[in-house]
N, C-alpha and C. Protein backbone atom coordinates (compact mmCIF):
# COMPACT_ATOMS: atom_id res chain seq x y z
N MET A 1 25.04 -34.11 -164.84
CA MET A 1 26.36 -34.50 -164.35
C MET A 1 27.41 -34.09 -165.37
N ASP A 2 28.50 -33.50 -164.90
CA ASP A 2 29.59 -33.05 -165.76
C ASP A 2 30.40 -34.26 -166.22
N THR A 3 30.43 -34.50 -167.53
CA THR A 3 31.15 -35.67 -168.05
C THR A 3 32.51 -35.29 -168.63
N VAL A 4 32.86 -34.02 -168.60
CA VAL A 4 34.15 -33.58 -169.10
C VAL A 4 35.24 -33.95 -168.10
N GLN A 5 36.29 -34.59 -168.60
CA GLN A 5 37.42 -34.95 -167.74
C GLN A 5 38.22 -33.69 -167.45
N LYS A 6 38.29 -33.30 -166.22
CA LYS A 6 39.11 -32.15 -165.83
C LYS A 6 40.58 -32.56 -165.87
N VAL A 7 41.43 -31.58 -166.19
CA VAL A 7 42.86 -31.83 -166.35
C VAL A 7 43.65 -30.98 -165.36
N VAL A 8 44.59 -31.61 -164.69
CA VAL A 8 45.45 -30.93 -163.73
C VAL A 8 46.91 -31.13 -164.12
N LEU A 9 47.67 -30.04 -164.06
CA LEU A 9 49.12 -30.07 -164.24
C LEU A 9 49.75 -29.93 -162.87
N ILE A 10 50.59 -30.88 -162.50
CA ILE A 10 51.25 -30.87 -161.19
C ILE A 10 52.76 -30.86 -161.42
N THR A 11 53.43 -29.82 -160.94
CA THR A 11 54.89 -29.80 -161.05
C THR A 11 55.49 -30.61 -159.91
N GLY A 12 56.63 -31.21 -160.19
CA GLY A 12 57.28 -32.04 -159.17
C GLY A 12 56.40 -33.18 -158.73
N ALA A 13 55.75 -33.85 -159.69
CA ALA A 13 54.73 -34.85 -159.38
C ALA A 13 55.24 -36.28 -159.33
N ALA A 14 56.52 -36.49 -159.53
CA ALA A 14 57.03 -37.86 -159.62
C ALA A 14 57.13 -38.56 -158.27
N ARG A 15 57.37 -37.78 -157.21
CA ARG A 15 57.61 -38.40 -155.90
C ARG A 15 56.98 -37.58 -154.79
N ARG A 16 57.03 -38.12 -153.60
CA ARG A 16 56.61 -37.46 -152.38
C ARG A 16 55.20 -36.83 -152.50
N ILE A 17 55.05 -35.61 -152.04
CA ILE A 17 53.74 -34.96 -152.01
C ILE A 17 53.12 -34.89 -153.41
N GLY A 18 53.93 -34.56 -154.40
CA GLY A 18 53.41 -34.44 -155.77
C GLY A 18 52.75 -35.71 -156.26
N SER A 19 53.36 -36.86 -156.01
CA SER A 19 52.78 -38.12 -156.47
C SER A 19 51.50 -38.44 -155.71
N HIS A 20 51.44 -38.10 -154.42
CA HIS A 20 50.22 -38.33 -153.64
C HIS A 20 49.08 -37.44 -154.13
N ILE A 21 49.41 -36.20 -154.46
CA ILE A 21 48.39 -35.30 -155.03
C ILE A 21 47.87 -35.89 -156.34
N ALA A 22 48.78 -36.34 -157.19
CA ALA A 22 48.39 -36.93 -158.47
C ALA A 22 47.49 -38.15 -158.28
N GLU A 23 47.86 -39.03 -157.37
CA GLU A 23 47.07 -40.23 -157.12
C GLU A 23 45.67 -39.89 -156.62
N ARG A 24 45.59 -38.92 -155.70
CA ARG A 24 44.30 -38.55 -155.12
C ARG A 24 43.40 -37.91 -156.17
N LEU A 25 43.94 -36.96 -156.95
CA LEU A 25 43.12 -36.30 -157.97
C LEU A 25 42.72 -37.29 -159.07
N HIS A 26 43.61 -38.19 -159.42
CA HIS A 26 43.29 -39.21 -160.41
C HIS A 26 42.13 -40.08 -159.91
N ALA A 27 42.18 -40.48 -158.65
CA ALA A 27 41.11 -41.28 -158.06
C ALA A 27 39.78 -40.54 -158.06
N ASN A 28 39.85 -39.21 -158.10
CA ASN A 28 38.64 -38.39 -158.15
C ASN A 28 38.25 -37.99 -159.58
N GLY A 29 38.85 -38.65 -160.57
CA GLY A 29 38.41 -38.48 -161.95
C GLY A 29 39.18 -37.51 -162.80
N TYR A 30 40.22 -36.88 -162.28
CA TYR A 30 41.01 -35.94 -163.06
C TYR A 30 41.96 -36.68 -163.99
N ASN A 31 42.21 -36.09 -165.15
CA ASN A 31 43.34 -36.49 -165.98
C ASN A 31 44.55 -35.74 -165.47
N ILE A 32 45.68 -36.41 -165.46
CA ILE A 32 46.87 -35.88 -164.79
C ILE A 32 48.00 -35.63 -165.77
N VAL A 33 48.56 -34.42 -165.71
CA VAL A 33 49.79 -34.09 -166.42
C VAL A 33 50.87 -33.98 -165.35
N LEU A 34 51.75 -34.96 -165.31
CA LEU A 34 52.84 -34.96 -164.34
C LEU A 34 54.03 -34.24 -164.93
N HIS A 35 54.58 -33.33 -164.17
CA HIS A 35 55.84 -32.69 -164.55
C HIS A 35 56.94 -33.30 -163.70
N CYS A 36 58.09 -33.49 -164.30
CA CYS A 36 59.28 -33.88 -163.55
C CYS A 36 60.48 -33.23 -164.20
N ASN A 37 61.57 -33.22 -163.49
CA ASN A 37 62.83 -32.74 -164.04
C ASN A 37 63.78 -33.92 -164.18
N ARG A 38 64.33 -34.39 -163.06
CA ARG A 38 65.27 -35.51 -163.11
C ARG A 38 64.62 -36.85 -162.79
N SER A 39 63.45 -36.86 -162.24
CA SER A 39 62.81 -38.10 -161.76
C SER A 39 61.94 -38.75 -162.83
N ILE A 40 62.45 -38.84 -164.05
CA ILE A 40 61.65 -39.37 -165.16
C ILE A 40 61.25 -40.82 -164.95
N ASN A 41 62.10 -41.63 -164.36
CA ASN A 41 61.75 -43.04 -164.14
C ASN A 41 60.59 -43.17 -163.16
N ASP A 42 60.63 -42.40 -162.06
CA ASP A 42 59.53 -42.42 -161.09
C ASP A 42 58.25 -41.88 -161.73
N ALA A 43 58.37 -40.82 -162.50
CA ALA A 43 57.20 -40.22 -163.14
C ALA A 43 56.57 -41.18 -164.15
N THR A 44 57.41 -41.84 -164.94
CA THR A 44 56.92 -42.79 -165.93
C THR A 44 56.21 -43.96 -165.26
N ALA A 45 56.77 -44.45 -164.16
CA ALA A 45 56.14 -45.55 -163.42
C ALA A 45 54.78 -45.12 -162.88
N LEU A 46 54.68 -43.90 -162.37
CA LEU A 46 53.41 -43.41 -161.84
C LEU A 46 52.38 -43.26 -162.97
N VAL A 47 52.81 -42.74 -164.11
CA VAL A 47 51.90 -42.62 -165.25
C VAL A 47 51.38 -43.99 -165.67
N GLU A 48 52.25 -44.97 -165.73
CA GLU A 48 51.83 -46.34 -166.10
C GLU A 48 50.83 -46.88 -165.08
N GLN A 49 51.08 -46.63 -163.80
CA GLN A 49 50.18 -47.09 -162.75
C GLN A 49 48.80 -46.43 -162.90
N LEU A 50 48.79 -45.12 -163.13
CA LEU A 50 47.51 -44.40 -163.28
C LEU A 50 46.77 -44.83 -164.54
N ASN A 51 47.49 -45.00 -165.64
CA ASN A 51 46.85 -45.42 -166.90
C ASN A 51 46.34 -46.85 -166.83
N ALA A 52 46.92 -47.68 -165.98
CA ALA A 52 46.42 -49.05 -165.79
C ALA A 52 45.05 -49.01 -165.12
N LYS A 53 44.82 -47.99 -164.30
CA LYS A 53 43.52 -47.84 -163.64
C LYS A 53 42.48 -47.21 -164.55
N ARG A 54 42.93 -46.27 -165.41
CA ARG A 54 42.04 -45.58 -166.34
C ARG A 54 42.86 -45.21 -167.56
N ASN A 55 42.60 -45.85 -168.68
CA ASN A 55 43.40 -45.67 -169.89
C ASN A 55 43.43 -44.21 -170.34
N ASP A 56 44.61 -43.78 -170.83
CA ASP A 56 44.83 -42.42 -171.34
C ASP A 56 44.35 -41.35 -170.36
N SER A 57 44.76 -41.49 -169.10
CA SER A 57 44.35 -40.52 -168.08
C SER A 57 45.54 -39.81 -167.45
N ALA A 58 46.76 -40.17 -167.86
CA ALA A 58 47.94 -39.55 -167.28
C ALA A 58 49.06 -39.51 -168.30
N ILE A 59 49.80 -38.40 -168.29
CA ILE A 59 50.97 -38.24 -169.15
C ILE A 59 52.06 -37.58 -168.34
N VAL A 60 53.28 -37.66 -168.84
CA VAL A 60 54.40 -37.03 -168.16
C VAL A 60 55.16 -36.15 -169.14
N TYR A 61 55.58 -34.99 -168.65
CA TYR A 61 56.46 -34.10 -169.41
C TYR A 61 57.64 -33.72 -168.52
N GLN A 62 58.79 -33.84 -169.10
CA GLN A 62 60.02 -33.46 -168.40
C GLN A 62 60.37 -32.05 -168.80
N ALA A 63 60.68 -31.21 -167.82
CA ALA A 63 61.03 -29.81 -168.10
C ALA A 63 61.91 -29.27 -166.99
N GLN A 64 62.81 -28.38 -167.37
CA GLN A 64 63.69 -27.68 -166.43
C GLN A 64 62.98 -26.39 -166.04
N LEU A 65 62.57 -26.28 -164.79
CA LEU A 65 61.79 -25.13 -164.35
C LEU A 65 62.58 -23.82 -164.35
N LEU A 66 63.89 -23.89 -164.41
CA LEU A 66 64.69 -22.67 -164.46
C LEU A 66 64.80 -22.11 -165.88
N ASN A 67 64.22 -22.82 -166.84
CA ASN A 67 64.27 -22.41 -168.25
C ASN A 67 62.90 -21.87 -168.65
N SER A 68 62.82 -20.58 -168.93
CA SER A 68 61.53 -19.96 -169.28
C SER A 68 60.88 -20.60 -170.50
N ALA A 69 61.66 -20.97 -171.49
CA ALA A 69 61.10 -21.61 -172.69
C ALA A 69 60.47 -22.95 -172.33
N ASP A 70 61.08 -23.69 -171.43
CA ASP A 70 60.50 -24.96 -170.98
C ASP A 70 59.16 -24.74 -170.30
N LEU A 71 59.02 -23.66 -169.54
CA LEU A 71 57.76 -23.37 -168.85
C LEU A 71 56.64 -23.12 -169.84
N THR A 72 56.91 -22.32 -170.85
CA THR A 72 55.91 -22.03 -171.88
C THR A 72 55.52 -23.31 -172.61
N GLN A 73 56.51 -24.10 -172.95
CA GLN A 73 56.26 -25.36 -173.65
C GLN A 73 55.48 -26.34 -172.77
N LEU A 74 55.81 -26.39 -171.48
CA LEU A 74 55.10 -27.25 -170.53
C LEU A 74 53.62 -26.87 -170.47
N ALA A 75 53.32 -25.59 -170.38
CA ALA A 75 51.93 -25.13 -170.34
C ALA A 75 51.19 -25.51 -171.62
N GLN A 76 51.82 -25.29 -172.76
CA GLN A 76 51.17 -25.61 -174.04
C GLN A 76 50.94 -27.10 -174.19
N ARG A 77 51.93 -27.90 -173.83
CA ARG A 77 51.78 -29.36 -173.93
C ARG A 77 50.70 -29.87 -172.98
N ALA A 78 50.70 -29.34 -171.76
CA ALA A 78 49.72 -29.78 -170.77
C ALA A 78 48.30 -29.55 -171.27
N CYS A 79 48.07 -28.42 -171.91
CA CYS A 79 46.75 -28.08 -172.41
C CYS A 79 46.40 -28.85 -173.69
N SER A 80 47.37 -29.04 -174.54
CA SER A 80 47.07 -29.60 -175.86
C SER A 80 46.71 -31.08 -175.85
N HIS A 81 47.19 -31.85 -174.90
CA HIS A 81 46.93 -33.29 -174.92
C HIS A 81 45.44 -33.60 -174.83
N TRP A 82 44.74 -32.95 -173.90
CA TRP A 82 43.29 -33.16 -173.76
C TRP A 82 42.49 -31.91 -174.11
N ASN A 83 43.16 -30.94 -174.73
CA ASN A 83 42.50 -29.70 -175.15
C ASN A 83 41.89 -28.89 -174.01
N ARG A 84 42.49 -28.96 -172.84
CA ARG A 84 42.02 -28.15 -171.73
C ARG A 84 43.01 -28.22 -170.58
N LEU A 85 42.88 -27.27 -169.67
CA LEU A 85 43.62 -27.28 -168.42
C LEU A 85 42.73 -26.62 -167.38
N ASP A 86 42.49 -27.33 -166.28
CA ASP A 86 41.58 -26.85 -165.26
C ASP A 86 42.28 -26.45 -163.96
N VAL A 87 43.42 -27.07 -163.68
CA VAL A 87 44.12 -26.81 -162.43
C VAL A 87 45.62 -26.84 -162.68
N LEU A 88 46.31 -25.88 -162.11
CA LEU A 88 47.77 -25.89 -162.06
C LEU A 88 48.17 -25.99 -160.60
N ILE A 89 48.98 -26.98 -160.26
CA ILE A 89 49.50 -27.11 -158.90
C ILE A 89 51.01 -26.95 -158.95
N ASN A 90 51.49 -25.84 -158.43
CA ASN A 90 52.93 -25.57 -158.35
C ASN A 90 53.45 -26.23 -157.08
N ASN A 91 53.91 -27.45 -157.24
CA ASN A 91 54.39 -28.25 -156.12
C ASN A 91 55.91 -28.40 -156.11
N ALA A 92 56.55 -28.35 -157.28
CA ALA A 92 57.99 -28.59 -157.37
C ALA A 92 58.75 -27.64 -156.45
N SER A 93 59.81 -28.16 -155.85
CA SER A 93 60.57 -27.36 -154.91
C SER A 93 61.99 -27.88 -154.82
N THR A 94 62.91 -26.95 -154.58
CA THR A 94 64.25 -27.36 -154.17
C THR A 94 64.41 -26.95 -152.72
N PHE A 95 65.13 -27.76 -151.98
CA PHE A 95 65.24 -27.56 -150.53
C PHE A 95 66.60 -28.06 -150.07
N TYR A 96 67.41 -27.15 -149.62
CA TYR A 96 68.70 -27.51 -149.03
C TYR A 96 69.20 -26.33 -148.21
N PRO A 97 70.09 -26.60 -147.25
CA PRO A 97 70.55 -25.52 -146.37
C PRO A 97 71.42 -24.50 -147.10
N THR A 98 71.29 -23.25 -146.67
CA THR A 98 72.10 -22.15 -147.20
C THR A 98 72.49 -21.24 -146.03
N PRO A 99 73.32 -21.72 -145.12
CA PRO A 99 73.75 -20.84 -144.03
C PRO A 99 74.32 -19.55 -144.62
N ILE A 100 74.08 -18.45 -143.95
CA ILE A 100 74.45 -17.12 -144.45
C ILE A 100 75.90 -17.09 -144.96
N ASP A 101 76.81 -17.67 -144.23
CA ASP A 101 78.22 -17.63 -144.63
C ASP A 101 78.51 -18.43 -145.90
N ASP A 102 77.60 -19.35 -146.27
CA ASP A 102 77.84 -20.23 -147.42
C ASP A 102 77.04 -19.85 -148.67
N ILE A 103 76.10 -18.93 -148.56
CA ILE A 103 75.23 -18.60 -149.69
C ILE A 103 76.05 -18.06 -150.86
N ASN A 104 75.72 -18.55 -152.05
CA ASN A 104 76.32 -18.00 -153.26
C ASN A 104 75.20 -17.75 -154.28
N GLU A 105 75.54 -17.13 -155.38
CA GLU A 105 74.52 -16.78 -156.39
C GLU A 105 73.87 -18.00 -157.01
N GLU A 106 74.61 -19.06 -157.17
CA GLU A 106 74.05 -20.28 -157.75
C GLU A 106 72.94 -20.84 -156.86
N MET A 107 73.19 -20.87 -155.56
CA MET A 107 72.15 -21.32 -154.61
C MET A 107 70.93 -20.41 -154.68
N TRP A 108 71.18 -19.10 -154.68
CA TRP A 108 70.10 -18.11 -154.76
C TRP A 108 69.27 -18.33 -156.02
N GLU A 109 69.93 -18.43 -157.16
CA GLU A 109 69.22 -18.61 -158.44
C GLU A 109 68.41 -19.90 -158.45
N ASP A 110 68.96 -20.96 -157.90
CA ASP A 110 68.27 -22.25 -157.88
C ASP A 110 67.05 -22.20 -156.96
N LEU A 111 67.24 -21.80 -155.73
CA LEU A 111 66.14 -21.82 -154.76
C LEU A 111 65.05 -20.80 -155.08
N ILE A 112 65.44 -19.58 -155.43
CA ILE A 112 64.45 -18.57 -155.80
C ILE A 112 63.82 -18.94 -157.15
N GLY A 113 64.64 -19.46 -158.05
CA GLY A 113 64.15 -19.82 -159.38
C GLY A 113 63.08 -20.90 -159.36
N VAL A 114 63.36 -22.00 -158.69
CA VAL A 114 62.41 -23.12 -158.67
C VAL A 114 61.22 -22.84 -157.76
N ASN A 115 61.46 -22.24 -156.61
CA ASN A 115 60.40 -22.05 -155.62
C ASN A 115 59.54 -20.80 -155.81
N LEU A 116 60.03 -19.83 -156.59
CA LEU A 116 59.28 -18.58 -156.75
C LEU A 116 59.15 -18.13 -158.21
N LYS A 117 60.27 -18.03 -158.90
CA LYS A 117 60.23 -17.54 -160.28
C LYS A 117 59.45 -18.49 -161.20
N ALA A 118 59.75 -19.77 -161.12
CA ALA A 118 59.06 -20.74 -161.99
C ALA A 118 57.55 -20.74 -161.77
N PRO A 119 57.07 -20.78 -160.52
CA PRO A 119 55.62 -20.72 -160.34
C PRO A 119 54.99 -19.47 -160.96
N LEU A 120 55.64 -18.31 -160.80
CA LEU A 120 55.11 -17.09 -161.40
C LEU A 120 54.97 -17.24 -162.91
N PHE A 121 56.04 -17.64 -163.57
CA PHE A 121 56.00 -17.69 -165.03
C PHE A 121 55.19 -18.87 -165.57
N LEU A 122 55.08 -19.94 -164.80
CA LEU A 122 54.20 -21.03 -165.22
C LEU A 122 52.74 -20.61 -165.06
N CYS A 123 52.43 -19.89 -163.99
CA CYS A 123 51.07 -19.33 -163.84
C CYS A 123 50.73 -18.44 -165.02
N LYS A 124 51.66 -17.59 -165.39
CA LYS A 124 51.44 -16.69 -166.52
C LYS A 124 51.21 -17.48 -167.80
N ALA A 125 52.01 -18.53 -168.03
CA ALA A 125 51.88 -19.33 -169.25
C ALA A 125 50.58 -20.13 -169.27
N CYS A 126 50.11 -20.55 -168.11
CA CYS A 126 48.88 -21.34 -168.03
C CYS A 126 47.61 -20.49 -167.95
N ALA A 127 47.75 -19.23 -167.62
CA ALA A 127 46.60 -18.35 -167.38
C ALA A 127 45.55 -18.37 -168.50
N PRO A 128 45.94 -18.27 -169.78
CA PRO A 128 44.90 -18.27 -170.82
C PRO A 128 44.07 -19.56 -170.83
N PHE A 129 44.72 -20.69 -170.60
CA PHE A 129 44.01 -21.97 -170.59
C PHE A 129 43.12 -22.09 -169.35
N LEU A 130 43.62 -21.62 -168.21
CA LEU A 130 42.85 -21.68 -166.97
C LEU A 130 41.65 -20.73 -167.02
N LYS A 131 41.82 -19.57 -167.64
CA LYS A 131 40.70 -18.63 -167.78
C LYS A 131 39.60 -19.26 -168.62
N GLU A 132 39.99 -19.95 -169.67
CA GLU A 132 39.01 -20.58 -170.57
C GLU A 132 38.17 -21.62 -169.84
N SER A 133 38.76 -22.34 -168.91
CA SER A 133 38.04 -23.39 -168.20
C SER A 133 37.53 -22.95 -166.82
N CYS A 134 37.72 -21.65 -166.50
CA CYS A 134 37.41 -21.15 -165.14
C CYS A 134 38.16 -21.98 -164.11
N GLY A 135 39.42 -22.26 -164.42
CA GLY A 135 40.25 -23.11 -163.58
C GLY A 135 40.87 -22.38 -162.41
N CYS A 136 41.78 -23.06 -161.75
CA CYS A 136 42.40 -22.48 -160.56
C CYS A 136 43.87 -22.86 -160.46
N ILE A 137 44.56 -22.16 -159.58
CA ILE A 137 45.98 -22.38 -159.33
C ILE A 137 46.15 -22.67 -157.84
N VAL A 138 46.95 -23.69 -157.54
CA VAL A 138 47.31 -24.01 -156.16
C VAL A 138 48.83 -23.93 -156.07
N ASN A 139 49.31 -23.06 -155.20
CA ASN A 139 50.75 -22.94 -154.95
C ASN A 139 51.05 -23.55 -153.59
N ILE A 140 51.97 -24.49 -153.56
CA ILE A 140 52.30 -25.19 -152.31
C ILE A 140 53.40 -24.42 -151.56
N VAL A 141 53.07 -23.99 -150.36
CA VAL A 141 54.05 -23.38 -149.46
C VAL A 141 54.05 -24.20 -148.18
N ASP A 142 54.92 -23.86 -147.26
CA ASP A 142 54.96 -24.55 -145.98
C ASP A 142 55.15 -23.55 -144.86
N ILE A 143 55.31 -24.04 -143.66
CA ILE A 143 55.42 -23.19 -142.48
C ILE A 143 56.59 -22.23 -142.57
N HIS A 144 57.61 -22.58 -143.37
CA HIS A 144 58.80 -21.74 -143.46
C HIS A 144 58.58 -20.46 -144.27
N ALA A 145 57.38 -20.33 -144.85
CA ALA A 145 57.02 -19.07 -145.48
C ALA A 145 56.79 -17.98 -144.44
N SER A 146 56.40 -18.39 -143.24
CA SER A 146 56.16 -17.41 -142.18
C SER A 146 57.08 -17.61 -140.97
N ARG A 147 57.69 -18.76 -140.86
CA ARG A 147 58.62 -19.05 -139.77
C ARG A 147 59.91 -19.62 -140.38
N PRO A 148 60.91 -18.76 -140.60
CA PRO A 148 62.12 -19.22 -141.28
C PRO A 148 62.81 -20.35 -140.52
N LEU A 149 63.33 -21.28 -141.29
CA LEU A 149 64.07 -22.42 -140.76
C LEU A 149 65.54 -22.04 -140.64
N LYS A 150 66.12 -22.31 -139.49
CA LYS A 150 67.54 -21.99 -139.26
C LYS A 150 68.38 -22.66 -140.34
N ASP A 151 69.32 -21.91 -140.89
CA ASP A 151 70.25 -22.35 -141.93
C ASP A 151 69.59 -22.52 -143.31
N TYR A 152 68.34 -22.10 -143.46
CA TYR A 152 67.63 -22.19 -144.73
C TYR A 152 67.04 -20.83 -145.12
N PRO A 153 67.80 -19.74 -145.05
CA PRO A 153 67.20 -18.43 -145.31
C PRO A 153 66.70 -18.27 -146.75
N VAL A 154 67.43 -18.77 -147.72
CA VAL A 154 67.01 -18.55 -149.11
C VAL A 154 65.74 -19.34 -149.40
N TYR A 155 65.66 -20.57 -148.94
CA TYR A 155 64.43 -21.36 -149.11
C TYR A 155 63.26 -20.64 -148.44
N SER A 156 63.47 -20.18 -147.21
CA SER A 156 62.40 -19.50 -146.48
C SER A 156 61.96 -18.23 -147.19
N ILE A 157 62.91 -17.49 -147.73
CA ILE A 157 62.59 -16.28 -148.51
C ILE A 157 61.75 -16.64 -149.73
N ALA A 158 62.15 -17.69 -150.43
CA ALA A 158 61.43 -18.11 -151.64
C ALA A 158 60.00 -18.51 -151.32
N LYS A 159 59.80 -19.27 -150.25
CA LYS A 159 58.45 -19.70 -149.88
C LYS A 159 57.60 -18.53 -149.38
N ALA A 160 58.22 -17.59 -148.69
CA ALA A 160 57.50 -16.38 -148.28
C ALA A 160 57.07 -15.59 -149.52
N GLY A 161 57.96 -15.52 -150.50
CA GLY A 161 57.63 -14.86 -151.75
C GLY A 161 56.50 -15.55 -152.48
N LEU A 162 56.50 -16.88 -152.47
CA LEU A 162 55.43 -17.63 -153.14
C LEU A 162 54.09 -17.41 -152.43
N ALA A 163 54.13 -17.32 -151.11
CA ALA A 163 52.89 -17.03 -150.38
C ALA A 163 52.34 -15.66 -150.78
N MET A 164 53.21 -14.67 -150.88
CA MET A 164 52.77 -13.33 -151.29
C MET A 164 52.35 -13.31 -152.75
N LEU A 165 53.06 -14.04 -153.60
CA LEU A 165 52.66 -14.15 -155.00
C LEU A 165 51.24 -14.69 -155.10
N THR A 166 50.93 -15.69 -154.31
CA THR A 166 49.59 -16.29 -154.32
C THR A 166 48.54 -15.25 -153.95
N LYS A 167 48.82 -14.46 -152.93
CA LYS A 167 47.89 -13.40 -152.52
C LYS A 167 47.75 -12.33 -153.60
N ALA A 168 48.86 -11.94 -154.19
CA ALA A 168 48.84 -10.92 -155.24
C ALA A 168 48.08 -11.42 -156.46
N MET A 169 48.31 -12.68 -156.83
CA MET A 169 47.60 -13.22 -157.99
C MET A 169 46.10 -13.33 -157.74
N ALA A 170 45.72 -13.61 -156.50
CA ALA A 170 44.30 -13.67 -156.16
C ALA A 170 43.62 -12.32 -156.43
N ARG A 171 44.37 -11.24 -156.27
CA ARG A 171 43.85 -9.89 -156.55
C ARG A 171 43.68 -9.68 -158.06
N GLU A 172 44.50 -10.36 -158.85
CA GLU A 172 44.45 -10.22 -160.30
C GLU A 172 43.19 -10.90 -160.83
């Protein structure tokens, strides 16, 4: 029986789908590295809840996914706490309408940055640790990767890009 605690890094893990993923994997014996940006209070509460069930089994790191240096630091911190990383789940997402007439560069940078660019560069930063553990990467996309949502073209583009990134990385 494998007695090594597997470690998973989940971006956007403080609330909604991310917190449910964290709770489920924790219940299955994983140590959890929760990433959050602004939801530090929710993330801290979840870490306390998980650690109450199993001591020293969850930690939280706050990072801005649009900052490349933060991504590198997040990967290093995630691996260093338990000296391993087995799974990266790119769950963090920004989601808001961008009707064609209203799109600006700031919206583009935010939606493409968080939903596509950050997962790419976080995968790259985590790759050496994941290779060492024969780990895996899970990128969360939704139906809008293949069926664009009206008034959400930039979000839909970003998720379509993430779906293709996942396929391209599988080839690597």
